[in-house]
Structures are given as structure tokens and as C-alpha cells.
Amino acid sequence: MLLLATAAGAQSGGFEVNALEGRFDAGLLLADARIDYRLSSTAREALENGVPLTIAQDLRLERPRWWWRNARVVAHERRYRLQYHAMSRRYVLTWLATGESRSYRSLDALTARLGRIEGWPVVRQERLNADRRYRLMLSTALEVEALPRLLRTVAYVEAGWQLASNTRRVEVQP
């Protein structure tokens, strides 16, 4: 029974932010995180058939308020494109902001690299009030909007395409 549940979970896929940490270094708040990317069998099959997938990582810093919505201090987004090249049998990860690409022999190696965030600059420490607490938050998702139009209509309703993580939160004080 447990084996069947595990196999079903692997087929369905999912993203999970396992760890998030904020640290100050040289007057700058940096974020480190670990994300587990498990593509569903549907998304994996599409990728291996030449459909590029776009993954977005959303990092926010907010100042909690008890009387109103939290005040957003900064919001950053990183977008990556995952592709499979059948001729070379390599997976390619491209950071869309810079165009920087790296290729990997396996999808597991690519997702392991994508899930390791180290030293993501958030904000300068001087912009933060030392007597206040802040909340650093990270989430990630597959961008359905970036899929080809015909596939997008199916992706909106099929569970195999609904890949998004929980929002991981951690308190930070300057």
C-alpha cells in the first residue's frame, strides 16, 4: 500500500521549498534555500518531447503589521527555462534574465542545481529598520502561461500541470 502511494506521488510530481534562510553579509541580506523539484509524468513527457518548461522562483520580503496587510519591502523573481535536446540527449537550464545556460546529463542533476539557491541578494541592510522584524518568503511554480497555446488550454485543467510549491516563510531581523 505504501509503495503504491509513493509511486502515485512520484507520477503526480510537485515542488516543495524545504529550507529557507536569510543571512546578512557585508551589509546585504542574502537568501539561501533548498527546493525539491519533482516534475509530474505529464510535464516530464512534454519536456522530453521538445516542449520547453518555464519555472518561476518568487522571493519577497515583507514587514508584518497587525492592523493591516503586511508592507512589501521588496519582491524579486527569477525565471528559468528547462529544455531537452534530443540530439545530444542533454537537459538545458537557462536563466531567462541573463541568457546564461548550462547543460546536464540528467533531469535529476538539472533539478538538483535549480533547487539550490545560494546568496540571492534581497536588500541592503541600511534600508531595514533595526527594531523591526521582517518576513522572508519564497515560492516556486511552473508557469502555465509560458506553454504553447494549444497545450496551455489543457494545462489549466489537468492536475499534472499544476506544479507549485508551498510558500516558505522565515523571520529576519537586521
N, C-alpha and C. Protein backbone atom coordinates (compact mmCIF):
# COMPACT_ATOMS: atom_id res chain seq x y z
N MET A 1 0.82 -1.19 0.00
CA MET A 1 0.00 0.00 0.00
C MET A 1 0.88 1.26 0.00
N LEU A 2 1.90 1.28 0.86
CA LEU A 2 2.80 2.42 0.95
C LEU A 2 3.55 2.60 -0.36
N LEU A 3 3.96 1.50 -0.99
CA LEU A 3 4.67 1.56 -2.26
C LEU A 3 3.80 2.16 -3.36
N LEU A 4 2.53 1.81 -3.39
CA LEU A 4 1.61 2.37 -4.37
C LEU A 4 1.41 3.86 -4.14
N ALA A 5 1.31 4.28 -2.91
CA ALA A 5 1.15 5.70 -2.59
C ALA A 5 2.38 6.49 -3.01
N THR A 6 3.56 5.92 -2.80
CA THR A 6 4.80 6.58 -3.20
C THR A 6 4.89 6.69 -4.71
N ALA A 7 4.52 5.64 -5.42
CA ALA A 7 4.55 5.66 -6.88
C ALA A 7 3.56 6.67 -7.44
N ALA A 8 2.40 6.77 -6.84
CA ALA A 8 1.41 7.76 -7.28
C ALA A 8 1.91 9.16 -7.04
N GLY A 9 2.58 9.39 -5.91
CA GLY A 9 3.14 10.71 -5.61
C GLY A 9 4.23 11.09 -6.60
N ALA A 10 5.04 10.13 -7.03
CA ALA A 10 6.11 10.40 -7.98
C ALA A 10 5.53 10.74 -9.35
N GLN A 11 4.42 10.09 -9.73
CA GLN A 11 3.80 10.39 -11.00
C GLN A 11 3.15 11.76 -10.99
N SER A 12 2.58 12.14 -9.85
CA SER A 12 1.88 13.42 -9.79
C SER A 12 2.86 14.58 -9.71
N GLY A 13 4.03 14.39 -9.15
CA GLY A 13 5.02 15.45 -9.06
C GLY A 13 4.64 16.51 -8.04
N GLY A 14 5.48 17.50 -7.93
CA GLY A 14 5.23 18.60 -7.02
C GLY A 14 6.51 19.32 -6.69
N PHE A 15 6.39 20.56 -6.28
CA PHE A 15 7.53 21.37 -5.87
C PHE A 15 7.38 21.65 -4.40
N GLU A 16 8.51 21.65 -3.68
CA GLU A 16 8.47 21.92 -2.24
C GLU A 16 9.71 22.70 -1.82
N VAL A 17 9.49 23.82 -1.15
CA VAL A 17 10.60 24.59 -0.58
C VAL A 17 10.92 23.96 0.76
N ASN A 18 12.04 23.26 0.84
CA ASN A 18 12.40 22.52 2.05
C ASN A 18 13.09 23.38 3.10
N ALA A 19 13.85 24.37 2.66
CA ALA A 19 14.59 25.20 3.61
C ALA A 19 14.74 26.60 3.04
N LEU A 20 14.70 27.58 3.92
CA LEU A 20 14.93 28.98 3.55
C LEU A 20 15.63 29.65 4.71
N GLU A 21 16.66 30.41 4.39
CA GLU A 21 17.43 31.10 5.42
C GLU A 21 17.82 32.48 4.90
N GLY A 22 17.70 33.48 5.75
CA GLY A 22 18.16 34.82 5.44
C GLY A 22 19.38 35.12 6.28
N ARG A 23 20.41 35.67 5.66
CA ARG A 23 21.63 36.00 6.39
C ARG A 23 22.18 37.32 5.88
N PHE A 24 22.86 38.02 6.77
CA PHE A 24 23.46 39.30 6.41
C PHE A 24 24.95 39.10 6.17
N ASP A 25 25.43 39.67 5.06
CA ASP A 25 26.84 39.58 4.72
C ASP A 25 27.23 40.89 4.03
N ALA A 26 28.20 41.59 4.61
CA ALA A 26 28.70 42.86 4.05
C ALA A 26 27.58 43.86 3.82
N GLY A 27 26.65 43.96 4.78
CA GLY A 27 25.58 44.93 4.69
C GLY A 27 24.47 44.59 3.71
N LEU A 28 24.38 43.33 3.33
CA LEU A 28 23.38 42.89 2.36
C LEU A 28 22.65 41.66 2.89
N LEU A 29 21.33 41.65 2.79
CA LEU A 29 20.55 40.48 3.16
C LEU A 29 20.58 39.50 1.99
N LEU A 30 21.03 38.29 2.26
CA LEU A 30 21.11 37.23 1.24
C LEU A 30 20.19 36.09 1.63
N ALA A 31 19.63 35.42 0.63
CA ALA A 31 18.75 34.28 0.87
C ALA A 31 19.40 33.01 0.36
N ASP A 32 19.32 31.97 1.16
CA ASP A 32 19.76 30.62 0.79
C ASP A 32 18.55 29.72 0.92
N ALA A 33 18.40 28.78 -0.01
CA ALA A 33 17.23 27.91 0.04
C ALA A 33 17.51 26.57 -0.63
N ARG A 34 16.67 25.60 -0.30
CA ARG A 34 16.69 24.28 -0.93
C ARG A 34 15.26 23.98 -1.37
N ILE A 35 15.11 23.67 -2.66
CA ILE A 35 13.81 23.37 -3.23
C ILE A 35 13.86 22.00 -3.89
N ASP A 36 12.83 21.20 -3.65
CA ASP A 36 12.72 19.89 -4.27
C ASP A 36 11.78 20.01 -5.46
N TYR A 37 12.33 19.81 -6.66
CA TYR A 37 11.53 19.86 -7.89
C TYR A 37 11.28 18.43 -8.37
N ARG A 38 10.02 18.02 -8.35
CA ARG A 38 9.61 16.73 -8.92
C ARG A 38 8.58 17.01 -10.01
N LEU A 39 8.98 16.82 -11.25
CA LEU A 39 8.06 17.04 -12.35
C LEU A 39 7.08 15.88 -12.43
N SER A 40 5.85 16.18 -12.77
CA SER A 40 4.86 15.12 -12.98
C SER A 40 5.23 14.36 -14.25
N SER A 41 4.67 13.18 -14.39
CA SER A 41 4.95 12.39 -15.60
C SER A 41 4.47 13.13 -16.85
N THR A 42 3.40 13.89 -16.73
CA THR A 42 2.88 14.68 -17.85
C THR A 42 3.88 15.75 -18.27
N ALA A 43 4.39 16.51 -17.30
CA ALA A 43 5.35 17.57 -17.60
C ALA A 43 6.67 16.99 -18.10
N ARG A 44 7.10 15.89 -17.53
CA ARG A 44 8.35 15.24 -17.96
C ARG A 44 8.23 14.75 -19.40
N GLU A 45 7.10 14.15 -19.73
CA GLU A 45 6.88 13.66 -21.10
C GLU A 45 6.87 14.81 -22.10
N ALA A 46 6.22 15.91 -21.75
CA ALA A 46 6.20 17.08 -22.63
C ALA A 46 7.61 17.63 -22.82
N LEU A 47 8.38 17.72 -21.74
CA LEU A 47 9.75 18.22 -21.81
C LEU A 47 10.59 17.35 -22.73
N GLU A 48 10.47 16.04 -22.59
CA GLU A 48 11.27 15.12 -23.41
C GLU A 48 10.80 15.06 -24.86
N ASN A 49 9.62 15.62 -25.12
CA ASN A 49 9.12 15.71 -26.50
C ASN A 49 9.31 17.10 -27.09
N GLY A 50 10.15 17.91 -26.47
CA GLY A 50 10.54 19.19 -27.05
C GLY A 50 9.80 20.42 -26.56
N VAL A 51 8.94 20.28 -25.55
CA VAL A 51 8.23 21.44 -25.03
C VAL A 51 9.06 22.07 -23.92
N PRO A 52 9.48 23.33 -24.09
CA PRO A 52 10.24 23.98 -23.01
C PRO A 52 9.31 24.32 -21.84
N LEU A 53 9.82 24.16 -20.63
CA LEU A 53 9.07 24.48 -19.42
C LEU A 53 9.72 25.68 -18.75
N THR A 54 8.91 26.58 -18.22
CA THR A 54 9.42 27.76 -17.52
C THR A 54 9.05 27.66 -16.04
N ILE A 55 10.06 27.81 -15.20
CA ILE A 55 9.90 27.76 -13.74
C ILE A 55 10.18 29.15 -13.20
N ALA A 56 9.30 29.64 -12.32
CA ALA A 56 9.49 30.94 -11.69
C ALA A 56 9.73 30.74 -10.20
N GLN A 57 10.73 31.45 -9.67
CA GLN A 57 11.00 31.48 -8.23
C GLN A 57 10.68 32.89 -7.75
N ASP A 58 9.82 32.99 -6.75
CA ASP A 58 9.34 34.28 -6.25
C ASP A 58 9.85 34.49 -4.82
N LEU A 59 10.67 35.52 -4.61
CA LEU A 59 11.23 35.84 -3.31
C LEU A 59 10.71 37.21 -2.87
N ARG A 60 10.14 37.27 -1.67
CA ARG A 60 9.58 38.53 -1.16
C ARG A 60 10.06 38.77 0.26
N LEU A 61 10.20 40.04 0.59
CA LEU A 61 10.49 40.45 1.96
C LEU A 61 9.39 41.40 2.37
N GLU A 62 8.72 41.08 3.49
CA GLU A 62 7.62 41.90 3.99
C GLU A 62 7.85 42.28 5.44
N ARG A 63 7.25 43.40 5.81
CA ARG A 63 7.25 43.83 7.20
C ARG A 63 5.85 43.55 7.74
N PRO A 64 5.73 42.60 8.69
CA PRO A 64 4.39 42.27 9.21
C PRO A 64 3.78 43.45 9.98
N ARG A 65 2.48 43.61 9.80
CA ARG A 65 1.72 44.63 10.52
C ARG A 65 0.48 43.95 11.11
N TRP A 66 0.11 44.27 12.30
CA TRP A 66 -1.04 43.63 12.93
C TRP A 66 -2.36 44.27 12.52
N TRP A 67 -2.32 45.51 12.06
CA TRP A 67 -3.55 46.25 11.81
C TRP A 67 -3.93 46.31 10.34
N TRP A 68 -3.09 45.89 9.44
CA TRP A 68 -3.36 45.97 8.02
C TRP A 68 -2.52 44.93 7.31
N ARG A 69 -2.62 44.87 6.02
CA ARG A 69 -1.79 43.92 5.27
C ARG A 69 -0.31 44.19 5.51
N ASN A 70 0.48 43.14 5.37
CA ASN A 70 1.92 43.31 5.52
C ASN A 70 2.46 44.27 4.47
N ALA A 71 3.45 45.05 4.85
CA ALA A 71 4.07 46.00 3.93
C ALA A 71 5.15 45.29 3.13
N ARG A 72 5.03 45.32 1.82
CA ARG A 72 6.03 44.67 0.96
C ARG A 72 7.25 45.57 0.88
N VAL A 73 8.40 45.04 1.24
CA VAL A 73 9.65 45.79 1.18
C VAL A 73 10.28 45.61 -0.19
N VAL A 74 10.46 44.36 -0.60
CA VAL A 74 10.98 44.05 -1.94
C VAL A 74 10.34 42.76 -2.45
N ALA A 75 10.35 42.62 -3.76
CA ALA A 75 9.89 41.38 -4.40
C ALA A 75 10.81 41.12 -5.59
N HIS A 76 11.33 39.91 -5.66
CA HIS A 76 12.22 39.51 -6.75
C HIS A 76 11.67 38.25 -7.38
N GLU A 77 11.93 38.10 -8.68
CA GLU A 77 11.53 36.87 -9.37
C GLU A 77 12.67 36.42 -10.26
N ARG A 78 12.91 35.13 -10.25
CA ARG A 78 13.85 34.52 -11.18
C ARG A 78 13.06 33.53 -12.02
N ARG A 79 13.32 33.58 -13.33
CA ARG A 79 12.63 32.66 -14.24
C ARG A 79 13.67 31.85 -14.98
N TYR A 80 13.40 30.55 -15.08
CA TYR A 80 14.30 29.62 -15.75
C TYR A 80 13.53 28.82 -16.80
N ARG A 81 14.21 28.51 -17.90
CA ARG A 81 13.62 27.65 -18.92
C ARG A 81 14.34 26.31 -18.90
N LEU A 82 13.59 25.23 -18.88
CA LEU A 82 14.11 23.87 -18.95
C LEU A 82 13.81 23.34 -20.33
N GLN A 83 14.83 22.76 -20.98
CA GLN A 83 14.66 22.19 -22.30
C GLN A 83 15.39 20.86 -22.38
N TYR A 84 14.93 20.02 -23.30
CA TYR A 84 15.62 18.77 -23.57
C TYR A 84 16.03 18.78 -25.03
N HIS A 85 17.31 18.51 -25.29
CA HIS A 85 17.82 18.42 -26.66
C HIS A 85 18.01 16.95 -27.00
N ALA A 86 17.17 16.45 -27.88
CA ALA A 86 17.17 15.02 -28.20
C ALA A 86 18.44 14.58 -28.91
N MET A 87 19.01 15.44 -29.75
CA MET A 87 20.22 15.05 -30.50
C MET A 87 21.40 14.79 -29.54
N SER A 88 21.58 15.65 -28.57
CA SER A 88 22.70 15.49 -27.64
C SER A 88 22.29 14.73 -26.38
N ARG A 89 20.99 14.48 -26.22
CA ARG A 89 20.44 13.83 -25.03
C ARG A 89 20.87 14.55 -23.75
N ARG A 90 20.76 15.87 -23.78
CA ARG A 90 21.13 16.70 -22.63
C ARG A 90 19.97 17.61 -22.27
N TYR A 91 19.87 17.90 -20.98
CA TYR A 91 18.88 18.83 -20.47
C TYR A 91 19.57 20.17 -20.29
N VAL A 92 18.90 21.24 -20.68
CA VAL A 92 19.49 22.58 -20.63
C VAL A 92 18.66 23.47 -19.71
N LEU A 93 19.35 24.14 -18.79
CA LEU A 93 18.75 25.09 -17.87
C LEU A 93 19.23 26.49 -18.26
N THR A 94 18.29 27.39 -18.56
CA THR A 94 18.62 28.75 -18.97
C THR A 94 17.99 29.74 -18.01
N TRP A 95 18.82 30.63 -17.45
CA TRP A 95 18.32 31.72 -16.61
C TRP A 95 17.86 32.79 -17.58
N LEU A 96 16.57 33.08 -17.62
CA LEU A 96 16.00 33.96 -18.64
C LEU A 96 16.44 35.41 -18.49
N ALA A 97 16.79 35.87 -17.31
CA ALA A 97 17.21 37.26 -17.13
C ALA A 97 18.55 37.55 -17.80
N THR A 98 19.44 36.57 -17.81
CA THR A 98 20.78 36.79 -18.36
C THR A 98 21.05 36.00 -19.63
N GLY A 99 20.27 34.97 -19.88
CA GLY A 99 20.53 34.10 -21.02
C GLY A 99 21.58 33.05 -20.75
N GLU A 100 22.11 33.03 -19.53
CA GLU A 100 23.13 32.06 -19.15
C GLU A 100 22.54 30.64 -19.16
N SER A 101 23.22 29.72 -19.84
CA SER A 101 22.73 28.34 -19.95
C SER A 101 23.77 27.35 -19.46
N ARG A 102 23.26 26.24 -18.95
CA ARG A 102 24.10 25.10 -18.56
C ARG A 102 23.39 23.84 -18.98
N SER A 103 24.16 22.86 -19.41
CA SER A 103 23.53 21.60 -19.80
C SER A 103 23.90 20.51 -18.79
N TYR A 104 22.99 19.54 -18.67
CA TYR A 104 23.14 18.45 -17.69
C TYR A 104 22.81 17.13 -18.36
N ARG A 105 23.45 16.06 -17.89
CA ARG A 105 23.21 14.73 -18.45
C ARG A 105 21.85 14.17 -18.06
N SER A 106 21.34 14.58 -16.90
CA SER A 106 20.06 14.02 -16.44
C SER A 106 19.16 15.14 -15.92
N LEU A 107 17.88 14.85 -15.93
CA LEU A 107 16.91 15.80 -15.39
C LEU A 107 17.09 15.95 -13.89
N ASP A 108 17.46 14.87 -13.21
CA ASP A 108 17.69 14.94 -11.77
C ASP A 108 18.83 15.90 -11.43
N ALA A 109 19.91 15.89 -12.23
CA ALA A 109 21.02 16.80 -11.99
C ALA A 109 20.59 18.25 -12.22
N LEU A 110 19.78 18.48 -13.25
CA LEU A 110 19.29 19.83 -13.53
C LEU A 110 18.40 20.32 -12.40
N THR A 111 17.45 19.51 -11.96
CA THR A 111 16.54 19.96 -10.90
C THR A 111 17.26 20.12 -9.57
N ALA A 112 18.31 19.32 -9.33
CA ALA A 112 19.09 19.50 -8.11
C ALA A 112 19.79 20.85 -8.12
N ARG A 113 20.34 21.25 -9.26
CA ARG A 113 21.01 22.54 -9.37
C ARG A 113 19.99 23.69 -9.26
N LEU A 114 18.87 23.54 -9.92
CA LEU A 114 17.82 24.56 -9.87
C LEU A 114 17.30 24.74 -8.45
N GLY A 115 17.28 23.68 -7.68
CA GLY A 115 16.75 23.72 -6.33
C GLY A 115 17.74 24.19 -5.28
N ARG A 116 18.94 24.53 -5.66
CA ARG A 116 19.95 25.00 -4.72
C ARG A 116 20.18 26.50 -4.93
N ILE A 117 19.66 27.31 -4.02
CA ILE A 117 19.80 28.77 -4.10
C ILE A 117 20.80 29.19 -3.03
N GLU A 118 21.83 29.90 -3.46
CA GLU A 118 22.86 30.35 -2.52
C GLU A 118 23.19 31.81 -2.78
N GLY A 119 23.00 32.62 -1.76
CA GLY A 119 23.41 34.03 -1.84
C GLY A 119 22.58 34.88 -2.79
N TRP A 120 21.26 34.67 -2.82
CA TRP A 120 20.38 35.51 -3.65
C TRP A 120 20.25 36.86 -2.95
N PRO A 121 20.76 37.95 -3.53
CA PRO A 121 20.68 39.27 -2.88
C PRO A 121 19.23 39.74 -2.77
N VAL A 122 18.85 40.19 -1.58
CA VAL A 122 17.47 40.61 -1.33
C VAL A 122 17.40 42.13 -1.21
N VAL A 123 18.10 42.70 -0.20
CA VAL A 123 18.04 44.14 0.04
C VAL A 123 19.26 44.55 0.87
N ARG A 124 19.63 45.81 0.74
CA ARG A 124 20.71 46.33 1.58
C ARG A 124 20.20 46.50 3.00
N GLN A 125 21.04 46.20 3.95
CA GLN A 125 20.67 46.25 5.36
C GLN A 125 20.27 47.66 5.79
N GLU A 126 20.84 48.66 5.19
CA GLU A 126 20.54 50.06 5.55
C GLU A 126 19.10 50.45 5.24
N ARG A 127 18.43 49.72 4.35
CA ARG A 127 17.02 50.01 4.03
C ARG A 127 16.06 49.43 5.07
N LEU A 128 16.58 48.63 6.00
CA LEU A 128 15.74 47.97 7.00
C LEU A 128 15.88 48.68 8.35
N ASN A 129 14.79 48.69 9.09
CA ASN A 129 14.76 49.28 10.42
C ASN A 129 15.24 48.22 11.43
N ALA A 130 16.25 48.54 12.21
CA ALA A 130 16.85 47.57 13.12
C ALA A 130 15.91 47.08 14.22
N ASP A 131 14.89 47.89 14.61
CA ASP A 131 14.00 47.43 15.69
C ASP A 131 12.79 46.66 15.17
N ARG A 132 12.73 46.37 13.92
CA ARG A 132 11.58 45.64 13.36
C ARG A 132 11.97 44.26 12.88
N ARG A 133 10.97 43.41 12.86
CA ARG A 133 11.16 42.07 12.30
C ARG A 133 10.61 42.07 10.87
N TYR A 134 11.20 41.26 10.04
CA TYR A 134 10.78 41.13 8.66
C TYR A 134 10.53 39.65 8.36
N ARG A 135 9.74 39.40 7.34
CA ARG A 135 9.43 38.04 6.94
C ARG A 135 9.91 37.82 5.50
N LEU A 136 10.81 36.86 5.34
CA LEU A 136 11.33 36.48 4.04
C LEU A 136 10.51 35.30 3.55
N MET A 137 10.03 35.35 2.30
CA MET A 137 9.16 34.30 1.78
C MET A 137 9.62 33.87 0.40
N LEU A 138 9.55 32.56 0.15
CA LEU A 138 9.96 32.01 -1.14
C LEU A 138 8.92 30.99 -1.61
N SER A 139 8.57 31.07 -2.88
CA SER A 139 7.71 30.06 -3.50
C SER A 139 8.17 29.87 -4.94
N THR A 140 7.75 28.79 -5.56
CA THR A 140 8.13 28.50 -6.93
C THR A 140 6.99 27.77 -7.63
N ALA A 141 6.93 27.94 -8.94
CA ALA A 141 5.83 27.32 -9.70
C ALA A 141 6.21 27.15 -11.16
N LEU A 142 5.56 26.21 -11.80
CA LEU A 142 5.64 26.04 -13.25
C LEU A 142 4.71 27.08 -13.87
N GLU A 143 5.21 27.84 -14.83
CA GLU A 143 4.40 28.87 -15.47
C GLU A 143 3.59 28.26 -16.61
N VAL A 144 2.32 28.08 -16.38
CA VAL A 144 1.44 27.53 -17.40
C VAL A 144 1.30 28.51 -18.56
N GLU A 145 1.35 29.80 -18.27
CA GLU A 145 1.23 30.83 -19.31
C GLU A 145 2.35 30.78 -20.34
N ALA A 146 3.49 30.19 -19.98
CA ALA A 146 4.62 30.13 -20.90
C ALA A 146 4.56 28.93 -21.84
N LEU A 147 3.61 28.04 -21.64
CA LEU A 147 3.46 26.87 -22.51
C LEU A 147 2.89 27.30 -23.86
N PRO A 148 3.11 26.48 -24.90
CA PRO A 148 2.47 26.76 -26.19
C PRO A 148 0.95 26.83 -26.04
N ARG A 149 0.32 27.66 -26.84
CA ARG A 149 -1.10 27.97 -26.68
C ARG A 149 -2.01 26.74 -26.63
N LEU A 150 -1.84 25.79 -27.53
CA LEU A 150 -2.71 24.62 -27.54
C LEU A 150 -2.53 23.76 -26.29
N LEU A 151 -1.32 23.65 -25.84
CA LEU A 151 -1.04 22.87 -24.63
C LEU A 151 -1.53 23.61 -23.38
N ARG A 152 -1.49 24.92 -23.42
CA ARG A 152 -1.90 25.74 -22.29
C ARG A 152 -3.37 25.51 -21.93
N THR A 153 -4.22 25.36 -22.92
CA THR A 153 -5.64 25.15 -22.63
C THR A 153 -5.88 23.85 -21.87
N VAL A 154 -5.10 22.84 -22.18
CA VAL A 154 -5.20 21.57 -21.45
C VAL A 154 -4.57 21.70 -20.07
N ALA A 155 -3.46 22.43 -20.00
CA ALA A 155 -2.71 22.56 -18.74
C ALA A 155 -3.50 23.25 -17.64
N TYR A 156 -4.42 24.13 -18.00
CA TYR A 156 -5.21 24.82 -16.98
C TYR A 156 -6.10 23.87 -16.19
N VAL A 157 -6.53 22.77 -16.81
CA VAL A 157 -7.47 21.88 -16.14
C VAL A 157 -6.87 20.56 -15.71
N GLU A 158 -5.72 20.19 -16.25
CA GLU A 158 -5.12 18.90 -15.90
C GLU A 158 -4.19 19.04 -14.69
N ALA A 159 -4.36 18.16 -13.73
CA ALA A 159 -3.61 18.22 -12.47
C ALA A 159 -2.10 18.05 -12.66
N GLY A 160 -1.67 17.32 -13.67
CA GLY A 160 -0.25 17.09 -13.91
C GLY A 160 0.53 18.35 -14.25
N TRP A 161 -0.17 19.41 -14.60
CA TRP A 161 0.48 20.68 -14.92
C TRP A 161 0.44 21.68 -13.78
N GLN A 162 -0.30 21.40 -12.75
CA GLN A 162 -0.46 22.32 -11.63
C GLN A 162 0.67 22.09 -10.62
N LEU A 163 1.86 22.54 -10.97
CA LEU A 163 3.05 22.34 -10.15
C LEU A 163 3.45 23.65 -9.49
N ALA A 164 3.23 23.73 -8.20
CA ALA A 164 3.58 24.92 -7.43
C ALA A 164 3.95 24.49 -6.02
N SER A 165 4.81 25.25 -5.40
CA SER A 165 5.26 24.91 -4.05
C SER A 165 4.42 25.62 -3.00
N ASN A 166 4.65 25.21 -1.80
CA ASN A 166 4.16 25.96 -0.65
C ASN A 166 4.98 27.24 -0.55
N THR A 167 4.53 28.21 0.21
CA THR A 167 5.32 29.41 0.46
C THR A 167 6.04 29.23 1.78
N ARG A 168 7.34 29.18 1.71
CA ARG A 168 8.15 29.01 2.93
C ARG A 168 8.44 30.40 3.49
N ARG A 169 8.27 30.54 4.81
CA ARG A 169 8.47 31.83 5.49
C ARG A 169 9.52 31.68 6.58
N VAL A 170 10.30 32.73 6.75
CA VAL A 170 11.28 32.76 7.83
C VAL A 170 11.40 34.21 8.31
N GLU A 171 11.53 34.36 9.63
CA GLU A 171 11.67 35.69 10.22
C GLU A 171 13.13 36.15 10.11
N VAL A 172 13.30 37.43 9.83
CA VAL A 172 14.64 38.03 9.70
C VAL A 172 14.64 39.32 10.49
N GLN A 173 15.73 39.54 11.24
CA GLN A 173 15.88 40.81 11.96
C GLN A 173 17.27 41.36 11.68
N PRO A 174 17.35 42.63 11.23
CA PRO A 174 18.66 43.21 10.90
C PRO A 174 19.56 43.35 12.11
